[in-house]
Amino acid sequence: MTDELYQKILDGEISDEEFLRINEEDDEPLTHNQRIMLAEYLMSLQGLTKYEAYQIAFKCVG
C-alpha cells in the first residue's frame, strides 16, 4: 500500500467497502512513514499524547 493511499484511508476518503478490499489484498506491514501517519491520526482524533500514539503505532503489527 502506498503512503498516499494510506493517508486517504486515515482521512476517510476511502469507502468502508474499498478499505476492506484493500486490506484483504495487502498483507505487507506498515512502512515507517505509515506508522508516523498512524501516530499523527491517533494524536489528532483520539486525543492521545505523542508518546502514547507513537508507542501504539510502532508496536502494531501490519
C-alpha atoms as a PDB file:
ATOM      1  CA  MET A   1       0.000   0.000   0.000  1.00  0.00           C
ATOM      2  CA  THR A   2       1.380   3.384  -0.893  1.00  0.00           C
ATOM      3  CA  ASP A   3       1.767   6.149   1.666  1.00  0.00           C
ATOM      4  CA  GLU A   4      -0.692   8.264  -0.318  1.00  0.00           C
ATOM      5  CA  LEU A   5      -3.339   5.544  -0.227  1.00  0.00           C
ATOM      6  CA  TYR A   6      -2.785   5.005   3.491  1.00  0.00           C
ATOM      7  CA  GLN A   7      -3.249   8.740   4.122  1.00  0.00           C
ATOM      8  CA  LYS A   8      -6.525   8.675   2.166  1.00  0.00           C
ATOM      9  CA  ILE A   9      -7.705   5.804   4.372  1.00  0.00           C
ATOM     10  CA  LEU A  10      -6.860   7.761   7.534  1.00  0.00           C
ATOM     11  CA  ASP A  11      -8.566  10.859   6.111  1.00  0.00           C
ATOM     12  CA  GLY A  12     -11.751   8.883   5.452  1.00  0.00           C
ATOM     13  CA  GLU A  13     -11.557   9.397   1.692  1.00  0.00           C
ATOM     14  CA  ILE A  14     -11.885   5.647   1.053  1.00  0.00           C
ATOM     15  CA  SER A  15     -15.239   3.907   1.496  1.00  0.00           C
ATOM     16  CA  ASP A  16     -15.539   1.107   4.042  1.00  0.00           C
ATOM     17  CA  GLU A  17     -16.030  -1.427   1.262  1.00  0.00           C
ATOM     18  CA  GLU A  18     -12.956  -0.225  -0.615  1.00  0.00           C
ATOM     19  CA  PHE A  19     -10.930  -0.266   2.605  1.00  0.00           C
ATOM     20  CA  LEU A  20     -11.928  -3.873   3.295  1.00  0.00           C
ATOM     21  CA  ARG A  21     -10.961  -4.894  -0.240  1.00  0.00           C
ATOM     22  CA  ILE A  22      -7.589  -3.163   0.017  1.00  0.00           C
ATOM     23  CA  ASN A  23      -6.991  -4.616   3.466  1.00  0.00           C
ATOM     24  CA  GLU A  24      -7.678  -8.163   2.259  1.00  0.00           C
ATOM     25  CA  GLU A  25      -5.291  -7.795  -0.687  1.00  0.00           C
ATOM     26  CA  ASP A  26      -2.472  -6.090   1.211  1.00  0.00           C
ATOM     27  CA  ASP A  27      -0.551  -8.225   3.666  1.00  0.00           C
ATOM     28  CA  GLU A  28       2.539  -6.022   3.829  1.00  0.00           C
ATOM     29  CA  PRO A  29       3.493  -4.490   7.181  1.00  0.00           C
ATOM     30  CA  LEU A  30       3.121  -0.742   7.588  1.00  0.00           C
ATOM     31  CA  THR A  31       6.075   1.310   6.419  1.00  0.00           C
ATOM     32  CA  HIS A  32       7.876   3.702   8.756  1.00  0.00           C
ATOM     33  CA  ASN A  33       6.058   6.653   7.138  1.00  0.00           C
ATOM     34  CA  GLN A  34       2.684   4.923   7.507  1.00  0.00           C
ATOM     35  CA  ARG A  35       3.365   4.334  11.205  1.00  0.00           C
ATOM     36  CA  ILE A  36       4.103   8.046  11.616  1.00  0.00           C
ATOM     37  CA  MET A  37       0.834   8.880   9.805  1.00  0.00           C
ATOM     38  CA  LEU A  38      -0.997   6.485  12.129  1.00  0.00           C
ATOM     39  CA  ALA A  39       0.553   8.132  15.177  1.00  0.00           C
ATOM     40  CA  GLU A  40      -0.490  11.590  13.933  1.00  0.00           C
ATOM     41  CA  TYR A  41      -4.011  10.268  13.329  1.00  0.00           C
ATOM     42  CA  LEU A  42      -4.177   8.858  16.850  1.00  0.00           C
ATOM     43  CA  MET A  43      -2.967  12.146  18.326  1.00  0.00           C
ATOM     44  CA  SER A  44      -5.431  14.281  16.380  1.00  0.00           C
ATOM     45  CA  LEU A  45      -8.584  12.193  16.540  1.00  0.00           C
ATOM     46  CA  GLN A  46      -8.130  10.064  19.628  1.00  0.00           C
ATOM     47  CA  GLY A  47      -6.539  12.724  21.826  1.00  0.00           C
ATOM     48  CA  LEU A  48      -3.512  10.616  22.669  1.00  0.00           C
ATOM     49  CA  THR A  49      -0.205  12.153  23.666  1.00  0.00           C
ATOM     50  CA  LYS A  50       2.643  11.946  21.188  1.00  0.00           C
ATOM     51  CA  TYR A  51       4.320   9.302  23.344  1.00  0.00           C
ATOM     52  CA  GLU A  52       1.162   7.159  23.553  1.00  0.00           C
ATOM     53  CA  ALA A  53       0.422   7.478  19.841  1.00  0.00           C
ATOM     54  CA  TYR A  54       3.938   6.572  18.723  1.00  0.00           C
ATOM     55  CA  GLN A  55       4.050   3.697  21.185  1.00  0.00           C
ATOM     56  CA  ILE A  56       0.893   2.229  19.630  1.00  0.00           C
ATOM     57  CA  ALA A  57       1.862   2.957  16.018  1.00  0.00           C
ATOM     58  CA  PHE A  58       5.279   1.376  16.281  1.00  0.00           C
ATOM     59  CA  LYS A  59       4.155  -1.663  18.247  1.00  0.00           C
ATOM     60  CA  CYS A  60       1.272  -2.599  15.956  1.00  0.00           C
ATOM     61  CA  VAL A  61       1.807  -5.442  13.551  1.00  0.00           C
ATOM     62  CA  GLY A  62       0.852  -4.942   9.913  1.00  0.00           C
END
